[in-house]
Each structure stands twice: as C-alpha cells, then as structure tokens.
mmCIF file of all heavy atoms, coordinates in Angstrom:
data_MODEL
# 
_entry.id   MODEL 
# 
loop_
_atom_site.group_PDB 
_atom_site.id 
_atom_site.type_symbol 
_atom_site.label_atom_id 
_atom_site.label_alt_id 
_atom_site.label_comp_id 
_atom_site.label_asym_id 
_atom_site.label_entity_id 
_atom_site.label_seq_id 
_atom_site.pdbx_PDB_ins_code 
_atom_site.Cartn_x 
_atom_site.Cartn_y 
_atom_site.Cartn_z 
_atom_site.occupancy 
_atom_site.B_iso_or_equiv 
_atom_site.pdbx_formal_charge 
_atom_site.auth_seq_id 
_atom_site.auth_comp_id 
_atom_site.auth_asym_id 
_atom_site.auth_atom_id 
_atom_site.pdbx_PDB_model_num 
ATOM 1   N N   . PHE A 1 1  ? 122.383 149.812 68.243 1.00 0.00 ? 1  PHE A N   1 
ATOM 2   C CA  . PHE A 1 1  ? 120.935 149.911 68.042 1.00 0.00 ? 1  PHE A CA  1 
ATOM 3   C C   . PHE A 1 1  ? 120.397 148.712 67.272 1.00 0.00 ? 1  PHE A C   1 
ATOM 4   O O   . PHE A 1 1  ? 119.281 148.268 67.502 1.00 0.00 ? 1  PHE A O   1 
ATOM 5   C CB  . PHE A 1 1  ? 120.590 151.210 67.312 1.00 0.00 ? 1  PHE A CB  1 
ATOM 6   C CG  . PHE A 1 1  ? 120.834 152.433 68.151 1.00 0.00 ? 1  PHE A CG  1 
ATOM 7   C CD1 . PHE A 1 1  ? 122.045 153.110 68.099 1.00 0.00 ? 1  PHE A CD1 1 
ATOM 8   C CD2 . PHE A 1 1  ? 119.861 152.898 69.025 1.00 0.00 ? 1  PHE A CD2 1 
ATOM 9   C CE1 . PHE A 1 1  ? 122.275 154.222 68.886 1.00 0.00 ? 1  PHE A CE1 1 
ATOM 10  C CE2 . PHE A 1 1  ? 120.084 154.009 69.815 1.00 0.00 ? 1  PHE A CE2 1 
ATOM 11  C CZ  . PHE A 1 1  ? 121.299 154.675 69.750 1.00 0.00 ? 1  PHE A CZ  1 
ATOM 12  N N   . HIS A 1 2  ? 121.191 148.178 66.321 1.00 0.00 ? 2  HIS A N   1 
ATOM 13  C CA  . HIS A 1 2  ? 120.695 147.096 65.474 1.00 0.00 ? 2  HIS A CA  1 
ATOM 14  C C   . HIS A 1 2  ? 121.720 145.976 65.350 1.00 0.00 ? 2  HIS A C   1 
ATOM 15  O O   . HIS A 1 2  ? 122.892 146.229 65.108 1.00 0.00 ? 2  HIS A O   1 
ATOM 16  C CB  . HIS A 1 2  ? 120.349 147.638 64.078 1.00 0.00 ? 2  HIS A CB  1 
ATOM 17  C CG  . HIS A 1 2  ? 119.309 148.707 64.094 1.00 0.00 ? 2  HIS A CG  1 
ATOM 18  N ND1 . HIS A 1 2  ? 119.591 150.027 63.826 1.00 0.00 ? 2  HIS A ND1 1 
ATOM 19  C CD2 . HIS A 1 2  ? 117.987 148.657 64.372 1.00 0.00 ? 2  HIS A CD2 1 
ATOM 20  C CE1 . HIS A 1 2  ? 118.486 150.739 63.938 1.00 0.00 ? 2  HIS A CE1 1 
ATOM 21  N NE2 . HIS A 1 2  ? 117.502 149.928 64.268 1.00 0.00 ? 2  HIS A NE2 1 
ATOM 22  N N   . GLN A 1 3  ? 121.229 144.741 65.525 1.00 0.00 ? 3  GLN A N   1 
ATOM 23  C CA  . GLN A 1 3  ? 122.052 143.561 65.313 1.00 0.00 ? 3  GLN A CA  1 
ATOM 24  C C   . GLN A 1 3  ? 121.875 143.067 63.878 1.00 0.00 ? 3  GLN A C   1 
ATOM 25  O O   . GLN A 1 3  ? 120.824 143.284 63.264 1.00 0.00 ? 3  GLN A O   1 
ATOM 26  C CB  . GLN A 1 3  ? 121.671 142.451 66.295 1.00 0.00 ? 3  GLN A CB  1 
ATOM 27  C CG  . GLN A 1 3  ? 122.242 142.643 67.684 1.00 0.00 ? 3  GLN A CG  1 
ATOM 28  C CD  . GLN A 1 3  ? 121.588 143.785 68.439 1.00 0.00 ? 3  GLN A CD  1 
ATOM 29  O OE1 . GLN A 1 3  ? 120.384 143.782 68.625 1.00 0.00 ? 3  GLN A OE1 1 
ATOM 30  N NE2 . GLN A 1 3  ? 122.359 144.761 68.853 1.00 0.00 ? 3  GLN A NE2 1 
ATOM 31  N N   . ILE A 1 4  ? 122.906 142.413 63.356 1.00 0.00 ? 4  ILE A N   1 
ATOM 32  C CA  . ILE A 1 4  ? 122.845 141.886 61.996 1.00 0.00 ? 4  ILE A CA  1 
ATOM 33  C C   . ILE A 1 4  ? 122.381 140.437 62.010 1.00 0.00 ? 4  ILE A C   1 
ATOM 34  O O   . ILE A 1 4  ? 121.403 140.065 61.367 1.00 0.00 ? 4  ILE A O   1 
ATOM 35  C CB  . ILE A 1 4  ? 124.225 141.995 61.308 1.00 0.00 ? 4  ILE A CB  1 
ATOM 36  C CG1 . ILE A 1 4  ? 124.746 143.435 61.352 1.00 0.00 ? 4  ILE A CG1 1 
ATOM 37  C CG2 . ILE A 1 4  ? 124.129 141.504 59.855 1.00 0.00 ? 4  ILE A CG2 1 
ATOM 38  C CD1 . ILE A 1 4  ? 126.182 143.598 60.886 1.00 0.00 ? 4  ILE A CD1 1 
ATOM 39  N N   . ASN A 1 5  ? 123.081 139.593 62.786 1.00 0.00 ? 5  ASN A N   1 
ATOM 40  C CA  . ASN A 1 5  ? 122.746 138.176 62.867 1.00 0.00 ? 5  ASN A CA  1 
ATOM 41  C C   . ASN A 1 5  ? 123.536 137.567 64.017 1.00 0.00 ? 5  ASN A C   1 
ATOM 42  O O   . ASN A 1 5  ? 124.475 138.175 64.530 1.00 0.00 ? 5  ASN A O   1 
ATOM 43  C CB  . ASN A 1 5  ? 123.097 137.463 61.549 1.00 0.00 ? 5  ASN A CB  1 
ATOM 44  C CG  . ASN A 1 5  ? 122.401 136.120 61.388 1.00 0.00 ? 5  ASN A CG  1 
ATOM 45  O OD1 . ASN A 1 5  ? 121.553 135.747 62.188 1.00 0.00 ? 5  ASN A OD1 1 
ATOM 46  N ND2 . ASN A 1 5  ? 122.762 135.389 60.341 1.00 0.00 ? 5  ASN A ND2 1 
ATOM 47  N N   . ALA A 1 6  ? 123.137 136.360 64.433 1.00 0.00 ? 6  ALA A N   1 
ATOM 48  C CA  . ALA A 1 6  ? 123.882 135.606 65.448 1.00 0.00 ? 6  ALA A CA  1 
ATOM 49  C C   . ALA A 1 6  ? 123.725 134.128 65.138 1.00 0.00 ? 6  ALA A C   1 
ATOM 50  O O   . ALA A 1 6  ? 122.630 133.679 64.768 1.00 0.00 ? 6  ALA A O   1 
ATOM 51  C CB  . ALA A 1 6  ? 123.369 135.919 66.855 1.00 0.00 ? 6  ALA A CB  1 
ATOM 52  N N   . PHE A 1 7  ? 124.816 133.377 65.263 1.00 0.00 ? 7  PHE A N   1 
ATOM 53  C CA  . PHE A 1 7  ? 124.736 131.944 64.984 1.00 0.00 ? 7  PHE A CA  1 
ATOM 54  C C   . PHE A 1 7  ? 125.791 131.198 65.801 1.00 0.00 ? 7  PHE A C   1 
ATOM 55  O O   . PHE A 1 7  ? 126.784 131.778 66.248 1.00 0.00 ? 7  PHE A O   1 
ATOM 56  C CB  . PHE A 1 7  ? 124.909 131.656 63.486 1.00 0.00 ? 7  PHE A CB  1 
ATOM 57  C CG  . PHE A 1 7  ? 126.236 132.079 62.910 1.00 0.00 ? 7  PHE A CG  1 
ATOM 58  C CD1 . PHE A 1 7  ? 127.294 131.183 62.825 1.00 0.00 ? 7  PHE A CD1 1 
ATOM 59  C CD2 . PHE A 1 7  ? 126.423 133.375 62.441 1.00 0.00 ? 7  PHE A CD2 1 
ATOM 60  C CE1 . PHE A 1 7  ? 128.511 131.565 62.291 1.00 0.00 ? 7  PHE A CE1 1 
ATOM 61  C CE2 . PHE A 1 7  ? 127.641 133.770 61.895 1.00 0.00 ? 7  PHE A CE2 1 
ATOM 62  C CZ  . PHE A 1 7  ? 128.693 132.865 61.828 1.00 0.00 ? 7  PHE A CZ  1 
ATOM 63  N N   . GLU A 1 8  ? 125.530 129.901 65.990 1.00 0.00 ? 8  GLU A N   1 
ATOM 64  C CA  . GLU A 1 8  ? 126.406 129.045 66.785 1.00 0.00 ? 8  GLU A CA  1 
ATOM 65  C C   . GLU A 1 8  ? 127.173 128.092 65.872 1.00 0.00 ? 8  GLU A C   1 
ATOM 66  O O   . GLU A 1 8  ? 126.613 127.556 64.911 1.00 0.00 ? 8  GLU A O   1 
ATOM 67  C CB  . GLU A 1 8  ? 125.569 128.239 67.779 1.00 0.00 ? 8  GLU A CB  1 
ATOM 68  C CG  . GLU A 1 8  ? 124.729 129.089 68.716 1.00 0.00 ? 8  GLU A CG  1 
ATOM 69  C CD  . GLU A 1 8  ? 123.551 128.329 69.289 1.00 0.00 ? 8  GLU A CD  1 
ATOM 70  O OE1 . GLU A 1 8  ? 123.724 127.140 69.631 1.00 0.00 ? 8  GLU A OE1 1 
ATOM 71  O OE2 . GLU A 1 8  ? 122.454 128.911 69.368 1.00 0.00 ? 8  GLU A OE2 1 
ATOM 72  N N   . GLU A 1 9  ? 128.448 127.897 66.196 1.00 0.00 ? 9  GLU A N   1 
ATOM 73  C CA  . GLU A 1 9  ? 129.273 126.990 65.401 1.00 0.00 ? 9  GLU A CA  1 
ATOM 74  C C   . GLU A 1 9  ? 130.496 126.573 66.212 1.00 0.00 ? 9  GLU A C   1 
ATOM 75  O O   . GLU A 1 9  ? 131.184 127.434 66.788 1.00 0.00 ? 9  GLU A O   1 
ATOM 76  C CB  . GLU A 1 9  ? 129.696 127.695 64.108 1.00 0.00 ? 9  GLU A CB  1 
ATOM 77  C CG  . GLU A 1 9  ? 130.158 126.767 62.998 1.00 0.00 ? 9  GLU A CG  1 
ATOM 78  C CD  . GLU A 1 9  ? 130.340 127.514 61.689 1.00 0.00 ? 9  GLU A CD  1 
ATOM 79  O OE1 . GLU A 1 9  ? 131.195 128.421 61.624 1.00 0.00 ? 9  GLU A OE1 1 
ATOM 80  O OE2 . GLU A 1 9  ? 129.613 127.214 60.723 1.00 0.00 ? 9  GLU A OE2 1 
ATOM 81  N N   . ASP A 1 10 ? 130.733 125.282 66.294 1.00 0.00 ? 10 ASP A N   1 
ATOM 82  C CA  . ASP A 1 10 ? 131.940 124.759 66.956 1.00 0.00 ? 10 ASP A CA  1 
ATOM 83  C C   . ASP A 1 10 ? 132.074 125.244 68.399 1.00 0.00 ? 10 ASP A C   1 
ATOM 84  O O   . ASP A 1 10 ? 133.168 125.595 68.852 1.00 0.00 ? 10 ASP A O   1 
ATOM 85  C CB  . ASP A 1 10 ? 133.195 125.134 66.166 1.00 0.00 ? 10 ASP A CB  1 
ATOM 86  C CG  . ASP A 1 10 ? 133.177 124.613 64.736 1.00 0.00 ? 10 ASP A CG  1 
ATOM 87  O OD1 . ASP A 1 10 ? 132.624 123.522 64.529 1.00 0.00 ? 10 ASP A OD1 1 
ATOM 88  O OD2 . ASP A 1 10 ? 133.689 125.311 63.844 1.00 0.00 ? 10 ASP A OD2 1 
ATOM 89  N N   . GLY A 1 11 ? 130.963 125.274 69.130 1.00 0.00 ? 11 GLY A N   1 
ATOM 90  C CA  . GLY A 1 11 ? 131.019 125.671 70.530 1.00 0.00 ? 11 GLY A CA  1 
ATOM 91  C C   . GLY A 1 11 ? 131.186 127.163 70.756 1.00 0.00 ? 11 GLY A C   1 
ATOM 92  O O   . GLY A 1 11 ? 131.442 127.601 71.886 1.00 0.00 ? 11 GLY A O   1 
ATOM 93  N N   . LEU A 1 12 ? 131.008 127.952 69.696 1.00 0.00 ? 12 LEU A N   1 
ATOM 94  C CA  . LEU A 1 12 ? 131.129 129.413 69.774 1.00 0.00 ? 12 LEU A CA  1 
ATOM 95  C C   . LEU A 1 12 ? 129.848 130.061 69.294 1.00 0.00 ? 12 LEU A C   1 
ATOM 96  O O   . LEU A 1 12 ? 129.144 129.516 68.428 1.00 0.00 ? 12 LEU A O   1 
ATOM 97  C CB  . LEU A 1 12 ? 132.302 129.895 68.924 1.00 0.00 ? 12 LEU A CB  1 
ATOM 98  C CG  . LEU A 1 12 ? 133.693 129.342 69.258 1.00 0.00 ? 12 LEU A CG  1 
ATOM 99  C CD1 . LEU A 1 12 ? 134.688 129.724 68.179 1.00 0.00 ? 12 LEU A CD1 1 
ATOM 100 C CD2 . LEU A 1 12 ? 134.154 129.842 70.626 1.00 0.00 ? 12 LEU A CD2 1 
ATOM 101 N N   . LEU A 1 13 ? 129.554 131.214 69.846 1.00 0.00 ? 13 LEU A N   1 
ATOM 102 C CA  . LEU A 1 13 ? 128.401 132.002 69.424 1.00 0.00 ? 13 LEU A CA  1 
ATOM 103 C C   . LEU A 1 13 ? 128.907 133.286 68.809 1.00 0.00 ? 13 LEU A C   1 
ATOM 104 O O   . LEU A 1 13 ? 129.569 134.097 69.470 1.00 0.00 ? 13 LEU A O   1 
ATOM 105 C CB  . LEU A 1 13 ? 127.495 132.299 70.625 1.00 0.00 ? 13 LEU A CB  1 
ATOM 106 C CG  . LEU A 1 13 ? 126.331 133.268 70.410 1.00 0.00 ? 13 LEU A CG  1 
ATOM 107 C CD1 . LEU A 1 13 ? 125.397 132.774 69.306 1.00 0.00 ? 13 LEU A CD1 1 
ATOM 108 C CD2 . LEU A 1 13 ? 125.550 133.456 71.699 1.00 0.00 ? 13 LEU A CD2 1 
ATOM 109 N N   . MET A 1 14 ? 128.630 133.466 67.519 1.00 0.00 ? 14 MET A N   1 
ATOM 110 C CA  . MET A 1 14 ? 129.009 134.680 66.809 1.00 0.00 ? 14 MET A CA  1 
ATOM 111 C C   . MET A 1 14 ? 127.857 135.682 66.877 1.00 0.00 ? 14 MET A C   1 
ATOM 112 O O   . MET A 1 14 ? 126.727 135.344 66.514 1.00 0.00 ? 14 MET A O   1 
ATOM 113 C CB  . MET A 1 14 ? 129.354 134.376 65.353 1.00 0.00 ? 14 MET A CB  1 
ATOM 114 C CG  . MET A 1 14 ? 130.797 133.953 65.118 1.00 0.00 ? 14 MET A CG  1 
ATOM 115 S SD  . MET A 1 14 ? 131.349 132.535 66.103 1.00 0.00 ? 14 MET A SD  1 
ATOM 116 C CE  . MET A 1 14 ? 130.436 131.187 65.342 1.00 0.00 ? 14 MET A CE  1 
ATOM 117 N N   . VAL A 1 15 ? 128.148 136.882 67.344 1.00 0.00 ? 15 VAL A N   1 
ATOM 118 C CA  . VAL A 1 15 ? 127.152 137.948 67.424 1.00 0.00 ? 15 VAL A CA  1 
ATOM 119 C C   . VAL A 1 15 ? 127.630 139.101 66.545 1.00 0.00 ? 15 VAL A C   1 
ATOM 120 O O   . VAL A 1 15 ? 128.659 139.718 66.822 1.00 0.00 ? 15 VAL A O   1 
ATOM 121 C CB  . VAL A 1 15 ? 126.945 138.438 68.872 1.00 0.00 ? 15 VAL A CB  1 
ATOM 122 C CG1 . VAL A 1 15 ? 125.874 139.518 68.906 1.00 0.00 ? 15 VAL A CG1 1 
ATOM 123 C CG2 . VAL A 1 15 ? 126.561 137.273 69.778 1.00 0.00 ? 15 VAL A CG2 1 
ATOM 124 N N   . ASP A 1 16 ? 126.897 139.376 65.479 1.00 0.00 ? 16 ASP A N   1 
ATOM 125 C CA  . ASP A 1 16 ? 127.247 140.426 64.524 1.00 0.00 ? 16 ASP A CA  1 
ATOM 126 C C   . ASP A 1 16 ? 126.297 141.598 64.706 1.00 0.00 ? 16 ASP A C   1 
ATOM 127 O O   . ASP A 1 16 ? 125.073 141.410 64.737 1.00 0.00 ? 16 ASP A O   1 
ATOM 128 C CB  . ASP A 1 16 ? 127.155 139.904 63.096 1.00 0.00 ? 16 ASP A CB  1 
ATOM 129 C CG  . ASP A 1 16 ? 128.115 138.743 62.830 1.00 0.00 ? 16 ASP A CG  1 
ATOM 130 O OD1 . ASP A 1 16 ? 129.009 138.520 63.662 1.00 0.00 ? 16 ASP A OD1 1 
ATOM 131 O OD2 . ASP A 1 16 ? 127.956 138.075 61.791 1.00 0.00 ? 16 ASP A OD2 1 
ATOM 132 N N   . LEU A 1 17 ? 126.838 142.785 64.805 1.00 0.00 ? 17 LEU A N   1 
ATOM 133 C CA  . LEU A 1 17 ? 126.022 143.958 65.086 1.00 0.00 ? 17 LEU A CA  1 
ATOM 134 C C   . LEU A 1 17 ? 126.688 145.226 64.560 1.00 0.00 ? 17 LEU A C   1 
ATOM 135 O O   . LEU A 1 17 ? 127.880 145.248 64.279 1.00 0.00 ? 17 LEU A O   1 
ATOM 136 C CB  . LEU A 1 17 ? 125.768 144.090 66.584 1.00 0.00 ? 17 LEU A CB  1 
ATOM 137 C CG  . LEU A 1 17 ? 126.964 144.390 67.496 1.00 0.00 ? 17 LEU A CG  1 
ATOM 138 C CD1 . LEU A 1 17 ? 126.464 144.887 68.852 1.00 0.00 ? 17 LEU A CD1 1 
ATOM 139 C CD2 . LEU A 1 17 ? 127.843 143.179 67.725 1.00 0.00 ? 17 LEU A CD2 1 
ATOM 140 N N   . CYS A 1 18 ? 125.887 146.269 64.427 1.00 0.00 ? 18 CYS A N   1 
ATOM 141 C CA  . CYS A 1 18 ? 126.405 147.593 64.109 1.00 0.00 ? 18 CYS A CA  1 
ATOM 142 C C   . CYS A 1 18 ? 126.585 148.345 65.419 1.00 0.00 ? 18 CYS A C   1 
ATOM 143 O O   . CYS A 1 18 ? 125.640 148.433 66.209 1.00 0.00 ? 18 CYS A O   1 
ATOM 144 C CB  . CYS A 1 18 ? 125.443 148.349 63.194 1.00 0.00 ? 18 CYS A CB  1 
ATOM 145 S SG  . CYS A 1 18 ? 125.292 147.622 61.551 1.00 0.00 ? 18 CYS A SG  1 
ATOM 146 N N   . CYS A 1 19 ? 127.780 148.879 65.650 1.00 0.00 ? 19 CYS A N   1 
ATOM 147 C CA  . CYS A 1 19 ? 128.004 149.560 66.921 1.00 0.00 ? 19 CYS A CA  1 
ATOM 148 C C   . CYS A 1 19 ? 128.998 150.701 66.763 1.00 0.00 ? 19 CYS A C   1 
ATOM 149 O O   . CYS A 1 19 ? 129.753 150.767 65.791 1.00 0.00 ? 19 CYS A O   1 
ATOM 150 C CB  . CYS A 1 19 ? 128.470 148.583 67.993 1.00 0.00 ? 19 CYS A CB  1 
ATOM 151 S SG  . CYS A 1 19 ? 129.869 147.563 67.548 1.00 0.00 ? 19 CYS A SG  1 
ATOM 152 N N   . ALA A 1 20 ? 128.944 151.602 67.726 1.00 0.00 ? 20 ALA A N   1 
ATOM 153 C CA  . ALA A 1 20 ? 129.808 152.778 67.746 1.00 0.00 ? 20 ALA A CA  1 
ATOM 154 C C   . ALA A 1 20 ? 130.506 152.855 69.092 1.00 0.00 ? 20 ALA A C   1 
ATOM 155 O O   . ALA A 1 20 ? 130.090 152.210 70.064 1.00 0.00 ? 20 ALA A O   1 
ATOM 156 C CB  . ALA A 1 20 ? 128.991 154.050 67.496 1.00 0.00 ? 20 ALA A CB  1 
ATOM 157 N N   . ASP A 1 21 ? 131.548 153.660 69.136 1.00 0.00 ? 21 ASP A N   1 
ATOM 158 C CA  . ASP A 1 21 ? 132.359 153.745 70.359 1.00 0.00 ? 21 ASP A CA  1 
ATOM 159 C C   . ASP A 1 21 ? 131.866 154.797 71.341 1.00 0.00 ? 21 ASP A C   1 
ATOM 160 O O   . ASP A 1 21 ? 132.512 155.035 72.365 1.00 0.00 ? 21 ASP A O   1 
ATOM 161 C CB  . ASP A 1 21 ? 133.823 154.025 69.994 1.00 0.00 ? 21 ASP A CB  1 
ATOM 162 C CG  . ASP A 1 21 ? 134.473 152.834 69.305 1.00 0.00 ? 21 ASP A CG  1 
ATOM 163 O OD1 . ASP A 1 21 ? 134.124 151.693 69.650 1.00 0.00 ? 21 ASP A OD1 1 
ATOM 164 O OD2 . ASP A 1 21 ? 135.319 153.046 68.414 1.00 0.00 ? 21 ASP A OD2 1 
ATOM 165 N N   . ASP A 1 22 ? 130.755 155.444 71.036 1.00 0.00 ? 22 ASP A N   1 
ATOM 166 C CA  . ASP A 1 22 ? 130.100 156.282 72.040 1.00 0.00 ? 22 ASP A CA  1 
ATOM 167 C C   . ASP A 1 22 ? 128.597 156.145 71.880 1.00 0.00 ? 22 ASP A C   1 
ATOM 168 O O   . ASP A 1 22 ? 128.119 155.484 70.958 1.00 0.00 ? 22 ASP A O   1 
ATOM 169 C CB  . ASP A 1 22 ? 130.573 157.742 71.987 1.00 0.00 ? 22 ASP A CB  1 
ATOM 170 C CG  . ASP A 1 22 ? 129.998 158.543 70.820 1.00 0.00 ? 22 ASP A CG  1 
ATOM 171 O OD1 . ASP A 1 22 ? 128.916 158.196 70.318 1.00 0.00 ? 22 ASP A OD1 1 
ATOM 172 O OD2 . ASP A 1 22 ? 130.635 159.522 70.412 1.00 0.00 ? 22 ASP A OD2 1 
ATOM 173 N N   . GLY A 1 23 ? 127.842 156.741 72.792 1.00 0.00 ? 23 GLY A N   1 
ATOM 174 C CA  . GLY A 1 23 ? 126.395 156.553 72.797 1.00 0.00 ? 23 GLY A CA  1 
ATOM 175 C C   . GLY A 1 23 ? 125.612 157.839 72.726 1.00 0.00 ? 23 GLY A C   1 
ATOM 176 O O   . GLY A 1 23 ? 124.507 157.927 73.262 1.00 0.00 ? 23 GLY A O   1 
ATOM 177 N N   . ASP A 1 24 ? 126.170 158.847 72.073 1.00 0.00 ? 24 ASP A N   1 
ATOM 178 C CA  . ASP A 1 24 ? 125.497 160.145 71.993 1.00 0.00 ? 24 ASP A CA  1 
ATOM 179 C C   . ASP A 1 24 ? 124.645 160.303 70.749 1.00 0.00 ? 24 ASP A C   1 
ATOM 180 O O   . ASP A 1 24 ? 124.144 161.395 70.472 1.00 0.00 ? 24 ASP A O   1 
ATOM 181 C CB  . ASP A 1 24 ? 126.532 161.275 72.042 1.00 0.00 ? 24 ASP A CB  1 
ATOM 182 C CG  . ASP A 1 24 ? 127.208 161.364 73.410 1.00 0.00 ? 24 ASP A CG  1 
ATOM 183 O OD1 . ASP A 1 24 ? 126.525 161.090 74.415 1.00 0.00 ? 24 ASP A OD1 1 
ATOM 184 O OD2 . ASP A 1 24 ? 128.406 161.700 73.456 1.00 0.00 ? 24 ASP A OD2 1 
ATOM 185 N N   . ALA A 1 25 ? 124.481 159.231 69.965 1.00 0.00 ? 25 ALA A N   1 
ATOM 186 C CA  . ALA A 1 25 ? 123.806 159.354 68.674 1.00 0.00 ? 25 ALA A CA  1 
ATOM 187 C C   . ALA A 1 25 ? 122.377 159.883 68.807 1.00 0.00 ? 25 ALA A C   1 
ATOM 188 O O   . ALA A 1 25 ? 121.918 160.659 67.971 1.00 0.00 ? 25 ALA A O   1 
ATOM 189 C CB  . ALA A 1 25 ? 123.804 158.005 67.966 1.00 0.00 ? 25 ALA A CB  1 
# 
C-alpha cells in the first residue's frame, strides 16, 4: 500500500516499500 523511498545508484534502482505476503488486508 505504501512505498518508503526509491533511489538510483551504480546502475541499480533501489525500491523500498512496506509489503505483506498476502492481499487480504
């Protein structure tokens, strides 16, 4: 539902987020 941040470094894109292993929330 919510992402924390995303940034690029050394040819990589880091995507930080809060997530769960199911979608029944």
